[in-house]
C-alpha cells in the first residue's frame, strides 16, 4: 500500500509475492523463505513456507492498489478470493473463525492470550508456549483455539473490501453480525468468546470498529483515561492491570492498528478521530525512525527500525 501511495509498481509485485505460495486449498502462509527454502524447515517442520497464516489484509491491499490506478491480474484476484474463502470456511463456535496460534492474529503477546500461559503471563514462558504450538501444528493438531474478535473483524473487513474486485463472498454478513454481538457495553469493548483474559480491553479488539462502528468506542480511542495518547492509542486500556506502555504488546502503540482504526473512523464519518490518529502516526514514524512500535506517551521507539508497516504513514499523504 505504501508503494502504491508513492506511485511505485512494486505494489503489484509484492501482492503477487504474498499470494504466490498459496496452497491448493486456499491457505496463504504468512512467511515464504524465498532466498533460502531450508532456513525455516527445522522450526516449521517443512521447507519454504510457514504453517500458519495471518489476517488476510490482502483484501484491503488489493482494493487500495486498484483504486490507486494499478492493474491487478485476474489470477492474483482469484488467489485473494480463494484465500478469504479458505478463512471464511473455518467458522467454528459462536459463528466466528477460530485460529490455531496467537501469531495468526498478528498480536503475538496480547493480554487476551494470558489464560493460555500457565502461571500467568511471562514473556519467556509465553515464548516457550508459542514455540510448542508450532510443533503441535506441524504434527497436525494444536491445543490453542481462539475466536479472536479482532481477527474476525479483519476477516470480515477484508472480505468486504475484496467485493469490488471479486464479488460478494459467502459468509460476510453472518461473520459481521457475530462480531457485533460480542460488544460489551459495560466494558465498552468487544469480548472474545469464553470470557477470562478474552475480555481484557485491548486495542486489537477495537478493530471491530471496522465492521461495527460505535460512537463511544471511537471516543475512547482519543480519551486520555482510556487509549488516548500523544503518539497514537495505547495497545491496552490504561485501566487494565496488564497495561505497560514499554512492554511488547502490553501497551505500546502499533502503527498498523492506528492506521486501521483511523480508516474505520474515516468511513464512519468520525473525521476527528481519523485526523488525530493519522497525525499521531506521522509524527511518531518520523520521531522513531519508522520503528516497529513505540511508547504511546513518550514516542520512544521499540523493536525493529525501520519497519515496513510503519510506512503506512505515507498512505495518508
C-alpha atoms as a PDB file:
ATOM      1  CA  UNK A   1       0.000   0.000   0.000  1.00  0.00           C
ATOM      2  CA  UNK A   2       2.877   2.381   0.722  1.00  0.00           C
ATOM      3  CA  UNK A   3       4.391   1.592  -2.699  1.00  0.00           C
ATOM      4  CA  UNK A   4       1.028   2.407  -4.290  1.00  0.00           C
ATOM      5  CA  UNK A   5       0.752   5.676  -2.367  1.00  0.00           C
ATOM      6  CA  UNK A   6       4.203   6.578  -3.687  1.00  0.00           C
ATOM      7  CA  UNK A   7       3.225   5.648  -7.269  1.00  0.00           C
ATOM      8  CA  UNK A   8       5.617   2.684  -7.452  1.00  0.00           C
ATOM      9  CA  UNK A   9       4.549  -0.501  -9.276  1.00  0.00           C
ATOM     10  CA  UNK A  10       6.379  -2.646  -6.728  1.00  0.00           C
ATOM     11  CA  UNK A  11       2.988  -2.621  -5.008  1.00  0.00           C
ATOM     12  CA  UNK A  12       1.778  -5.138  -7.587  1.00  0.00           C
ATOM     13  CA  UNK A  13       4.929  -7.254  -7.353  1.00  0.00           C
ATOM     14  CA  UNK A  14       4.607  -7.526  -3.593  1.00  0.00           C
ATOM     15  CA  UNK A  15       0.957  -8.552  -3.772  1.00  0.00           C
ATOM     16  CA  UNK A  16       1.904 -11.277  -6.246  1.00  0.00           C
ATOM     17  CA  UNK A  17       4.676 -12.416  -3.899  1.00  0.00           C
ATOM     18  CA  UNK A  18       2.374 -12.531  -0.857  1.00  0.00           C
ATOM     19  CA  UNK A  19      -0.017 -14.891  -2.624  1.00  0.00           C
ATOM     20  CA  UNK A  20       2.486 -16.931  -4.652  1.00  0.00           C
ATOM     21  CA  UNK A  21       2.917 -19.675  -2.017  1.00  0.00           C
ATOM     22  CA  UNK A  22      -0.810 -20.312  -1.589  1.00  0.00           C
ATOM     23  CA  UNK A  23      -1.769 -23.970  -1.072  1.00  0.00           C
ATOM     24  CA  UNK A  24      -4.272 -25.746  -3.251  1.00  0.00           C
ATOM     25  CA  UNK A  25      -6.983 -25.397  -0.587  1.00  0.00           C
ATOM     26  CA  UNK A  26      -6.549 -21.617  -0.485  1.00  0.00           C
ATOM     27  CA  UNK A  27      -4.397 -21.355   2.663  1.00  0.00           C
ATOM     28  CA  UNK A  28      -1.870 -18.495   2.452  1.00  0.00           C
ATOM     29  CA  UNK A  29       1.254 -18.984   4.620  1.00  0.00           C
ATOM     30  CA  UNK A  30       2.357 -15.857   6.399  1.00  0.00           C
ATOM     31  CA  UNK A  31       6.044 -16.379   5.532  1.00  0.00           C
ATOM     32  CA  UNK A  32       7.944 -17.630   2.468  1.00  0.00           C
ATOM     33  CA  UNK A  33      11.694 -18.217   2.623  1.00  0.00           C
ATOM     34  CA  UNK A  34      12.497 -17.142  -0.929  1.00  0.00           C
ATOM     35  CA  UNK A  35      16.287 -16.871  -0.649  1.00  0.00           C
ATOM     36  CA  UNK A  36      16.826 -19.981   1.491  1.00  0.00           C
ATOM     37  CA  UNK A  37      13.963 -22.511   1.357  1.00  0.00           C
ATOM     38  CA  UNK A  38      15.585 -24.671   4.061  1.00  0.00           C
ATOM     39  CA  UNK A  39      16.029 -21.811   6.549  1.00  0.00           C
ATOM     40  CA  UNK A  40      12.781 -22.385   8.435  1.00  0.00           C
ATOM     41  CA  UNK A  41      12.456 -26.141   7.956  1.00  0.00           C
ATOM     42  CA  UNK A  42      13.577 -27.147  11.449  1.00  0.00           C
ATOM     43  CA  UNK A  43      11.231 -24.656  13.062  1.00  0.00           C
ATOM     44  CA  UNK A  44       8.097 -25.100  10.936  1.00  0.00           C
ATOM     45  CA  UNK A  45       8.595 -28.755  10.097  1.00  0.00           C
ATOM     46  CA  UNK A  46       8.598 -28.093   6.339  1.00  0.00           C
ATOM     47  CA  UNK A  47      10.741 -26.161   3.864  1.00  0.00           C
ATOM     48  CA  UNK A  48       9.996 -22.875   2.088  1.00  0.00           C
ATOM     49  CA  UNK A  49       6.885 -21.720   3.999  1.00  0.00           C
ATOM     50  CA  UNK A  50       5.396 -21.314   7.457  1.00  0.00           C
ATOM     51  CA  UNK A  51       2.499 -23.441   8.699  1.00  0.00           C
ATOM     52  CA  UNK A  52       0.293 -20.582   9.900  1.00  0.00           C
ATOM     53  CA  UNK A  53      -1.496 -17.698   8.233  1.00  0.00           C
ATOM     54  CA  UNK A  54      -2.245 -14.164   9.439  1.00  0.00           C
ATOM     55  CA  UNK A  55      -5.116 -11.680   8.949  1.00  0.00           C
ATOM     56  CA  UNK A  56      -5.919 -11.634   5.218  1.00  0.00           C
ATOM     57  CA  UNK A  57      -5.053  -7.968   4.747  1.00  0.00           C
ATOM     58  CA  UNK A  58      -4.545  -8.623   1.044  1.00  0.00           C
ATOM     59  CA  UNK A  59      -8.273  -7.933   0.565  1.00  0.00           C
ATOM     60  CA  UNK A  60      -7.881  -4.311   1.622  1.00  0.00           C
ATOM     61  CA  UNK A  61      -4.496  -4.015  -0.078  1.00  0.00           C
ATOM     62  CA  UNK A  62      -5.912  -5.162  -3.418  1.00  0.00           C
ATOM     63  CA  UNK A  63      -8.689  -2.590  -3.259  1.00  0.00           C
ATOM     64  CA  UNK A  64      -6.259   0.171  -2.292  1.00  0.00           C
ATOM     65  CA  UNK A  65      -3.766  -0.667  -5.037  1.00  0.00           C
ATOM     66  CA  UNK A  66      -6.527  -0.981  -7.633  1.00  0.00           C
ATOM     67  CA  UNK A  67      -8.058   2.365  -6.682  1.00  0.00           C
ATOM     68  CA  UNK A  68      -4.576   3.902  -6.909  1.00  0.00           C
ATOM     69  CA  UNK A  69      -4.706   3.048 -10.618  1.00  0.00           C
ATOM     70  CA  UNK A  70      -2.561  -0.086 -10.803  1.00  0.00           C
ATOM     71  CA  UNK A  71      -3.615  -3.119 -12.828  1.00  0.00           C
ATOM     72  CA  UNK A  72      -4.034  -6.351 -10.888  1.00  0.00           C
ATOM     73  CA  UNK A  73      -4.177  -9.618 -12.772  1.00  0.00           C
ATOM     74  CA  UNK A  74      -7.221 -11.870 -12.626  1.00  0.00           C
ATOM     75  CA  UNK A  75      -5.058 -14.660 -11.183  1.00  0.00           C
ATOM     76  CA  UNK A  76      -3.998 -12.509  -8.207  1.00  0.00           C
ATOM     77  CA  UNK A  77      -7.606 -11.502  -7.554  1.00  0.00           C
ATOM     78  CA  UNK A  78      -8.660 -15.133  -7.707  1.00  0.00           C
ATOM     79  CA  UNK A  79      -5.902 -16.136  -5.285  1.00  0.00           C
ATOM     80  CA  UNK A  80      -7.060 -13.485  -2.835  1.00  0.00           C
ATOM     81  CA  UNK A  81     -10.639 -14.668  -3.205  1.00  0.00           C
ATOM     82  CA  UNK A  82      -9.650 -18.272  -2.529  1.00  0.00           C
ATOM     83  CA  UNK A  83      -7.573 -17.184   0.457  1.00  0.00           C
ATOM     84  CA  UNK A  84     -10.519 -15.454   2.043  1.00  0.00           C
ATOM     85  CA  UNK A  85     -12.870 -18.313   1.151  1.00  0.00           C
ATOM     86  CA  UNK A  86     -10.496 -20.654   2.988  1.00  0.00           C
ATOM     87  CA  UNK A  87     -10.569 -18.492   6.116  1.00  0.00           C
ATOM     88  CA  UNK A  88     -14.337 -17.952   5.981  1.00  0.00           C
ATOM     89  CA  UNK A  89     -14.708 -21.712   5.703  1.00  0.00           C
ATOM     90  CA  UNK A  90     -13.160 -22.155   9.168  1.00  0.00           C
ATOM     91  CA  UNK A  91     -16.121 -20.670  11.049  1.00  0.00           C
ATOM     92  CA  UNK A  92     -16.486 -22.599  14.284  1.00  0.00           C
ATOM     93  CA  UNK A  93     -18.372 -21.962  17.523  1.00  0.00           C
ATOM     94  CA  UNK A  94     -20.138 -18.642  18.066  1.00  0.00           C
ATOM     95  CA  UNK A  95     -20.222 -18.141  14.293  1.00  0.00           C
ATOM     96  CA  UNK A  96     -16.630 -16.931  14.294  1.00  0.00           C
ATOM     97  CA  UNK A  97     -13.376 -18.117  12.720  1.00  0.00           C
ATOM     98  CA  UNK A  98     -11.019 -19.913  15.069  1.00  0.00           C
ATOM     99  CA  UNK A  99      -7.233 -19.514  14.989  1.00  0.00           C
ATOM    100  CA  UNK A 100      -4.720 -22.213  15.949  1.00  0.00           C
ATOM    101  CA  UNK A 101      -1.881 -19.971  17.090  1.00  0.00           C
ATOM    102  CA  UNK A 102      -1.799 -16.481  18.636  1.00  0.00           C
ATOM    103  CA  UNK A 103       0.615 -15.436  15.868  1.00  0.00           C
ATOM    104  CA  UNK A 104      -2.218 -15.920  13.371  1.00  0.00           C
ATOM    105  CA  UNK A 105      -3.967 -12.875  14.840  1.00  0.00           C
ATOM    106  CA  UNK A 106      -0.869 -10.723  14.325  1.00  0.00           C
ATOM    107  CA  UNK A 107      -0.956  -9.820  18.038  1.00  0.00           C
ATOM    108  CA  UNK A 108       1.783 -12.007  19.479  1.00  0.00           C
ATOM    109  CA  UNK A 109       1.633 -11.216  23.203  1.00  0.00           C
ATOM    110  CA  UNK A 110      -1.780  -9.578  23.504  1.00  0.00           C
ATOM    111  CA  UNK A 111      -3.145  -9.661  27.045  1.00  0.00           C
ATOM    112  CA  UNK A 112      -6.103 -11.521  25.544  1.00  0.00           C
ATOM    113  CA  UNK A 113      -3.974 -14.690  25.496  1.00  0.00           C
ATOM    114  CA  UNK A 114      -2.921 -14.597  29.170  1.00  0.00           C
ATOM    115  CA  UNK A 115      -5.170 -17.508  30.139  1.00  0.00           C
ATOM    116  CA  UNK A 116      -3.167 -19.682  27.742  1.00  0.00           C
ATOM    117  CA  UNK A 117       0.103 -19.015  29.616  1.00  0.00           C
ATOM    118  CA  UNK A 118       0.455 -21.353  32.628  1.00  0.00           C
ATOM    119  CA  UNK A 119       1.102 -19.383  35.790  1.00  0.00           C
ATOM    120  CA  UNK A 120       0.128 -16.091  34.195  1.00  0.00           C
ATOM    121  CA  UNK A 121       1.873 -14.052  31.542  1.00  0.00           C
ATOM    122  CA  UNK A 122       5.651 -14.114  31.472  1.00  0.00           C
ATOM    123  CA  UNK A 123       7.381 -13.240  28.212  1.00  0.00           C
ATOM    124  CA  UNK A 124       9.914 -16.104  28.307  1.00  0.00           C
ATOM    125  CA  UNK A 125       7.333 -18.657  29.426  1.00  0.00           C
ATOM    126  CA  UNK A 126       4.901 -17.432  26.775  1.00  0.00           C
ATOM    127  CA  UNK A 127       7.604 -17.756  24.097  1.00  0.00           C
ATOM    128  CA  UNK A 128       8.004 -21.422  25.061  1.00  0.00           C
ATOM    129  CA  UNK A 129       4.250 -21.927  24.711  1.00  0.00           C
ATOM    130  CA  UNK A 130       4.210 -20.308  21.256  1.00  0.00           C
ATOM    131  CA  UNK A 131       7.073 -22.480  20.041  1.00  0.00           C
ATOM    132  CA  UNK A 132       5.385 -25.615  21.394  1.00  0.00           C
ATOM    133  CA  UNK A 133       2.232 -24.701  19.498  1.00  0.00           C
ATOM    134  CA  UNK A 134       4.237 -24.510  16.247  1.00  0.00           C
ATOM    135  CA  UNK A 135       5.387 -28.088  16.852  1.00  0.00           C
ATOM    136  CA  UNK A 136       1.811 -29.194  17.514  1.00  0.00           C
ATOM    137  CA  UNK A 137       0.588 -27.641  14.268  1.00  0.00           C
ATOM    138  CA  UNK A 138       3.376 -29.366  12.333  1.00  0.00           C
ATOM    139  CA  UNK A 139       2.149 -32.639  13.826  1.00  0.00           C
ATOM    140  CA  UNK A 140      -1.428 -31.939  12.735  1.00  0.00           C
ATOM    141  CA  UNK A 141      -3.070 -30.501  15.842  1.00  0.00           C
ATOM    142  CA  UNK A 142      -2.970 -27.505  18.175  1.00  0.00           C
ATOM    143  CA  UNK A 143      -4.064 -27.163  21.797  1.00  0.00           C
ATOM    144  CA  UNK A 144      -4.689 -23.445  21.205  1.00  0.00           C
ATOM    145  CA  UNK A 145      -8.011 -22.305  19.788  1.00  0.00           C
ATOM    146  CA  UNK A 146      -9.414 -18.809  19.961  1.00  0.00           C
ATOM    147  CA  UNK A 147     -12.143 -16.932  18.132  1.00  0.00           C
ATOM    148  CA  UNK A 148     -10.381 -13.581  18.438  1.00  0.00           C
ATOM    149  CA  UNK A 149     -12.836 -10.755  17.799  1.00  0.00           C
ATOM    150  CA  UNK A 150     -10.069  -8.565  16.358  1.00  0.00           C
ATOM    151  CA  UNK A 151      -9.002 -11.246  13.903  1.00  0.00           C
ATOM    152  CA  UNK A 152     -12.588 -11.948  12.891  1.00  0.00           C
ATOM    153  CA  UNK A 153     -13.250  -8.258  12.327  1.00  0.00           C
ATOM    154  CA  UNK A 154     -10.249  -8.132   9.983  1.00  0.00           C
ATOM    155  CA  UNK A 155     -11.501 -11.180   8.090  1.00  0.00           C
ATOM    156  CA  UNK A 156     -14.962  -9.672   7.616  1.00  0.00           C
ATOM    157  CA  UNK A 157     -13.483  -6.290   6.673  1.00  0.00           C
ATOM    158  CA  UNK A 158     -11.081  -7.717   4.084  1.00  0.00           C
ATOM    159  CA  UNK A 159     -13.754  -9.920   2.552  1.00  0.00           C
ATOM    160  CA  UNK A 160     -15.940  -6.842   2.140  1.00  0.00           C
ATOM    161  CA  UNK A 161     -13.028  -4.864   0.662  1.00  0.00           C
ATOM    162  CA  UNK A 162     -12.422  -7.501  -1.975  1.00  0.00           C
ATOM    163  CA  UNK A 163     -16.058  -7.337  -3.092  1.00  0.00           C
ATOM    164  CA  UNK A 164     -15.337  -4.508  -5.547  1.00  0.00           C
ATOM    165  CA  UNK A 165     -12.948  -6.782  -7.448  1.00  0.00           C
ATOM    166  CA  UNK A 166     -14.255 -10.299  -6.869  1.00  0.00           C
ATOM    167  CA  UNK A 167     -17.917 -10.013  -5.922  1.00  0.00           C
ATOM    168  CA  UNK A 168     -19.646 -10.759  -2.643  1.00  0.00           C
ATOM    169  CA  UNK A 169     -18.150 -13.650  -0.687  1.00  0.00           C
ATOM    170  CA  UNK A 170     -20.425 -16.048   1.150  1.00  0.00           C
ATOM    171  CA  UNK A 171     -20.481 -15.669   4.920  1.00  0.00           C
ATOM    172  CA  UNK A 172     -19.509 -11.985   5.270  1.00  0.00           C
ATOM    173  CA  UNK A 173     -22.843 -10.832   6.715  1.00  0.00           C
ATOM    174  CA  UNK A 174     -23.016 -13.671   9.218  1.00  0.00           C
ATOM    175  CA  UNK A 175     -19.450 -13.105  10.395  1.00  0.00           C
ATOM    176  CA  UNK A 176     -20.009  -9.360  10.740  1.00  0.00           C
ATOM    177  CA  UNK A 177     -23.062  -9.998  12.885  1.00  0.00           C
ATOM    178  CA  UNK A 178     -21.117 -12.480  15.028  1.00  0.00           C
ATOM    179  CA  UNK A 179     -18.533  -9.778  15.713  1.00  0.00           C
ATOM    180  CA  UNK A 180     -21.186  -7.152  16.505  1.00  0.00           C
ATOM    181  CA  UNK A 181     -22.920  -9.269  19.141  1.00  0.00           C
ATOM    182  CA  UNK A 182     -19.637  -9.506  21.076  1.00  0.00           C
ATOM    183  CA  UNK A 183     -19.976  -5.824  22.095  1.00  0.00           C
ATOM    184  CA  UNK A 184     -19.990  -5.390  25.885  1.00  0.00           C
ATOM    185  CA  UNK A 185     -21.484  -2.011  26.836  1.00  0.00           C
ATOM    186  CA  UNK A 186     -20.147  -2.144  30.387  1.00  0.00           C
ATOM    187  CA  UNK A 187     -16.548  -2.675  29.273  1.00  0.00           C
ATOM    188  CA  UNK A 188     -17.003  -0.543  26.119  1.00  0.00           C
ATOM    189  CA  UNK A 189     -15.240  -3.160  24.025  1.00  0.00           C
ATOM    190  CA  UNK A 190     -15.867  -6.356  22.091  1.00  0.00           C
ATOM    191  CA  UNK A 191     -15.016  -9.531  24.005  1.00  0.00           C
ATOM    192  CA  UNK A 192     -13.806 -12.908  22.793  1.00  0.00           C
ATOM    193  CA  UNK A 193     -15.982 -15.969  23.413  1.00  0.00           C
ATOM    194  CA  UNK A 194     -15.068 -17.822  26.601  1.00  0.00           C
ATOM    195  CA  UNK A 195     -14.537 -14.894  28.953  1.00  0.00           C
ATOM    196  CA  UNK A 196     -11.412 -14.688  31.112  1.00  0.00           C
ATOM    197  CA  UNK A 197      -8.499 -12.849  29.536  1.00  0.00           C
ATOM    198  CA  UNK A 198     -10.565 -12.630  26.368  1.00  0.00           C
ATOM    199  CA  UNK A 199     -12.345  -9.688  27.989  1.00  0.00           C
ATOM    200  CA  UNK A 200      -9.213  -7.578  28.619  1.00  0.00           C
ATOM    201  CA  UNK A 201      -9.617  -4.177  26.965  1.00  0.00           C
ATOM    202  CA  UNK A 202      -7.003  -4.253  24.204  1.00  0.00           C
ATOM    203  CA  UNK A 203      -6.626  -2.118  21.091  1.00  0.00           C
ATOM    204  CA  UNK A 204      -6.705  -5.162  18.794  1.00  0.00           C
ATOM    205  CA  UNK A 205     -10.277  -5.819  19.941  1.00  0.00           C
ATOM    206  CA  UNK A 206     -11.194  -2.276  18.882  1.00  0.00           C
ATOM    207  CA  UNK A 207     -10.563  -3.322  15.275  1.00  0.00           C
ATOM    208  CA  UNK A 208     -14.216  -4.386  15.412  1.00  0.00           C
ATOM    209  CA  UNK A 209     -14.891  -0.720  14.627  1.00  0.00           C
ATOM    210  CA  UNK A 210     -14.111  -1.586  11.010  1.00  0.00           C
ATOM    211  CA  UNK A 211     -17.349  -3.555  10.761  1.00  0.00           C
ATOM    212  CA  UNK A 212     -19.349  -2.361  13.789  1.00  0.00           C
ATOM    213  CA  UNK A 213     -18.854   1.396  14.271  1.00  0.00           C
ATOM    214  CA  UNK A 214     -19.852   2.666  17.727  1.00  0.00           C
ATOM    215  CA  UNK A 215     -19.533   6.274  18.856  1.00  0.00           C
ATOM    216  CA  UNK A 216     -18.427   5.504  22.415  1.00  0.00           C
ATOM    217  CA  UNK A 217     -15.665   3.204  21.178  1.00  0.00           C
ATOM    218  CA  UNK A 218     -14.374   5.888  18.815  1.00  0.00           C
ATOM    219  CA  UNK A 219     -14.419   8.359  21.727  1.00  0.00           C
ATOM    220  CA  UNK A 220     -12.279   6.028  23.839  1.00  0.00           C
ATOM    221  CA  UNK A 221      -9.537   5.972  21.199  1.00  0.00           C
ATOM    222  CA  UNK A 222      -8.814   9.639  21.978  1.00  0.00           C
ATOM    223  CA  UNK A 223      -9.727   9.665  25.679  1.00  0.00           C
ATOM    224  CA  UNK A 224      -6.515  10.044  27.758  1.00  0.00           C
ATOM    225  CA  UNK A 225      -8.116   7.950  30.501  1.00  0.00           C
ATOM    226  CA  UNK A 226      -8.752   5.087  28.064  1.00  0.00           C
ATOM    227  CA  UNK A 227      -6.498   4.594  24.995  1.00  0.00           C
ATOM    228  CA  UNK A 228      -5.688   8.195  24.072  1.00  0.00           C
ATOM    229  CA  UNK A 229      -2.031   9.252  23.910  1.00  0.00           C
ATOM    230  CA  UNK A 230       0.142  11.808  22.059  1.00  0.00           C
ATOM    231  CA  UNK A 231       1.773   9.193  19.802  1.00  0.00           C
ATOM    232  CA  UNK A 232      -1.276   7.109  18.978  1.00  0.00           C
ATOM    233  CA  UNK A 233      -3.634   4.956  21.037  1.00  0.00           C
ATOM    234  CA  UNK A 234      -2.274   2.664  23.731  1.00  0.00           C
ATOM    235  CA  UNK A 235      -2.250  -1.027  22.901  1.00  0.00           C
ATOM    236  CA  UNK A 236      -4.026  -1.806  26.191  1.00  0.00           C
ATOM    237  CA  UNK A 237      -6.615   0.293  28.026  1.00  0.00           C
ATOM    238  CA  UNK A 238      -4.983   2.355  30.774  1.00  0.00           C
ATOM    239  CA  UNK A 239      -7.408   0.912  33.310  1.00  0.00           C
ATOM    240  CA  UNK A 240      -6.177  -2.655  32.817  1.00  0.00           C
ATOM    241  CA  UNK A 241      -3.650  -4.135  35.303  1.00  0.00           C
ATOM    242  CA  UNK A 242      -1.670  -5.501  32.343  1.00  0.00           C
ATOM    243  CA  UNK A 243      -1.102  -2.018  30.856  1.00  0.00           C
ATOM    244  CA  UNK A 244       2.612  -1.320  30.367  1.00  0.00           C
ATOM    245  CA  UNK A 245       3.483   1.188  27.619  1.00  0.00           C
ATOM    246  CA  UNK A 246       7.051  -0.098  27.276  1.00  0.00           C
ATOM    247  CA  UNK A 247       6.428  -3.855  27.073  1.00  0.00           C
ATOM    248  CA  UNK A 248       5.838  -5.765  23.835  1.00  0.00           C
ATOM    249  CA  UNK A 249       2.085  -5.926  23.081  1.00  0.00           C
ATOM    250  CA  UNK A 250       1.238  -4.894  26.649  1.00  0.00           C
ATOM    251  CA  UNK A 251       0.589  -1.220  25.923  1.00  0.00           C
ATOM    252  CA  UNK A 252       2.808   0.233  23.166  1.00  0.00           C
ATOM    253  CA  UNK A 253       1.294   1.760  20.075  1.00  0.00           C
ATOM    254  CA  UNK A 254       1.369  -0.308  16.889  1.00  0.00           C
ATOM    255  CA  UNK A 255       1.206   1.765  13.668  1.00  0.00           C
ATOM    256  CA  UNK A 256      -0.788  -0.780  11.656  1.00  0.00           C
ATOM    257  CA  UNK A 257      -3.549  -0.684  14.277  1.00  0.00           C
ATOM    258  CA  UNK A 258      -3.514   3.110  14.293  1.00  0.00           C
ATOM    259  CA  UNK A 259      -3.937   3.144  10.507  1.00  0.00           C
ATOM    260  CA  UNK A 260      -6.828   0.668  10.552  1.00  0.00           C
ATOM    261  CA  UNK A 261      -8.652   2.494  13.342  1.00  0.00           C
ATOM    262  CA  UNK A 262      -8.175   5.786  11.518  1.00  0.00           C
ATOM    263  CA  UNK A 263      -9.657   4.155   8.426  1.00  0.00           C
ATOM    264  CA  UNK A 264     -12.611   2.949  10.493  1.00  0.00           C
ATOM    265  CA  UNK A 265     -13.111   6.471  11.780  1.00  0.00           C
ATOM    266  CA  UNK A 266     -12.959   7.998   8.312  1.00  0.00           C
ATOM    267  CA  UNK A 267     -15.531   5.585   6.901  1.00  0.00           C
ATOM    268  CA  UNK A 268     -17.845   6.117   9.885  1.00  0.00           C
ATOM    269  CA  UNK A 269     -17.757   9.886   9.494  1.00  0.00           C
ATOM    270  CA  UNK A 270     -15.543  10.404  12.544  1.00  0.00           C
ATOM    271  CA  UNK A 271     -13.000  12.635  10.842  1.00  0.00           C
ATOM    272  CA  UNK A 272     -11.927  13.977  14.248  1.00  0.00           C
ATOM    273  CA  UNK A 273     -10.722  10.510  15.184  1.00  0.00           C
ATOM    274  CA  UNK A 274      -9.197   9.733  11.784  1.00  0.00           C
ATOM    275  CA  UNK A 275      -7.306  13.045  11.626  1.00  0.00           C
ATOM    276  CA  UNK A 276      -5.965  12.742  15.163  1.00  0.00           C
ATOM    277  CA  UNK A 277      -4.818   9.156  14.700  1.00  0.00           C
ATOM    278  CA  UNK A 278      -3.079   9.724  11.377  1.00  0.00           C
ATOM    279  CA  UNK A 279      -1.393  12.856  12.678  1.00  0.00           C
ATOM    280  CA  UNK A 280      -0.049  10.870  15.622  1.00  0.00           C
ATOM    281  CA  UNK A 281       1.136   8.116  13.264  1.00  0.00           C
ATOM    282  CA  UNK A 282       3.038  10.539  11.029  1.00  0.00           C
ATOM    283  CA  UNK A 283       4.699  12.285  13.973  1.00  0.00           C
ATOM    284  CA  UNK A 284       5.688   9.023  15.660  1.00  0.00           C
ATOM    285  CA  UNK A 285       7.021   7.483  12.438  1.00  0.00           C
ATOM    286  CA  UNK A 286       9.377  10.431  11.948  1.00  0.00           C
ATOM    287  CA  UNK A 287      10.345  10.693  15.625  1.00  0.00           C
ATOM    288  CA  UNK A 288      11.209   6.986  15.927  1.00  0.00           C
ATOM    289  CA  UNK A 289      12.873   6.469  12.551  1.00  0.00           C
ATOM    290  CA  UNK A 290       9.879   4.376  11.410  1.00  0.00           C
ATOM    291  CA  UNK A 291      10.144   1.977  14.360  1.00  0.00           C
ATOM    292  CA  UNK A 292       8.122  -1.223  14.704  1.00  0.00           C
ATOM    293  CA  UNK A 293       6.179   0.101  17.715  1.00  0.00           C
ATOM    294  CA  UNK A 294       6.622   2.793  20.386  1.00  0.00           C
ATOM    295  CA  UNK A 295       5.641   4.102  23.789  1.00  0.00           C
ATOM    296  CA  UNK A 296       2.393   5.994  23.101  1.00  0.00           C
ATOM    297  CA  UNK A 297       3.148   8.665  25.702  1.00  0.00           C
ATOM    298  CA  UNK A 298       6.839   9.379  25.074  1.00  0.00           C
ATOM    299  CA  UNK A 299       7.302   8.265  21.440  1.00  0.00           C
ATOM    300  CA  UNK A 300      10.274   6.098  22.419  1.00  0.00           C
ATOM    301  CA  UNK A 301      10.682   3.510  19.648  1.00  0.00           C
ATOM    302  CA  UNK A 302      10.893  -0.238  20.143  1.00  0.00           C
ATOM    303  CA  UNK A 303      11.574  -3.315  18.024  1.00  0.00           C
ATOM    304  CA  UNK A 304      12.991  -3.120  14.508  1.00  0.00           C
ATOM    305  CA  UNK A 305      13.736   0.276  12.976  1.00  0.00           C
ATOM    306  CA  UNK A 306      12.906   0.903  10.223  1.00  0.00           C
ATOM    307  CA  UNK A 307       9.903  -1.411   9.966  1.00  0.00           C
ATOM    308  CA  UNK A 308       7.951  -1.623   6.707  1.00  0.00           C
ATOM    309  CA  UNK A 309       4.445  -1.397   8.143  1.00  0.00           C
ATOM    310  CA  UNK A 310       5.221   1.999   9.644  1.00  0.00           C
ATOM    311  CA  UNK A 311       5.343   3.315   6.071  1.00  0.00           C
ATOM    312  CA  UNK A 312       1.542   3.299   6.344  1.00  0.00           C
ATOM    313  CA  UNK A 313       2.205   6.863   7.495  1.00  0.00           C
ATOM    314  CA  UNK A 314       2.812   7.613   3.795  1.00  0.00           C
ATOM    315  CA  UNK A 315      -0.651   6.392   2.829  1.00  0.00           C
ATOM    316  CA  UNK A 316      -2.419   9.305   4.488  1.00  0.00           C
ATOM    317  CA  UNK A 317      -0.398  11.833   2.495  1.00  0.00           C
END
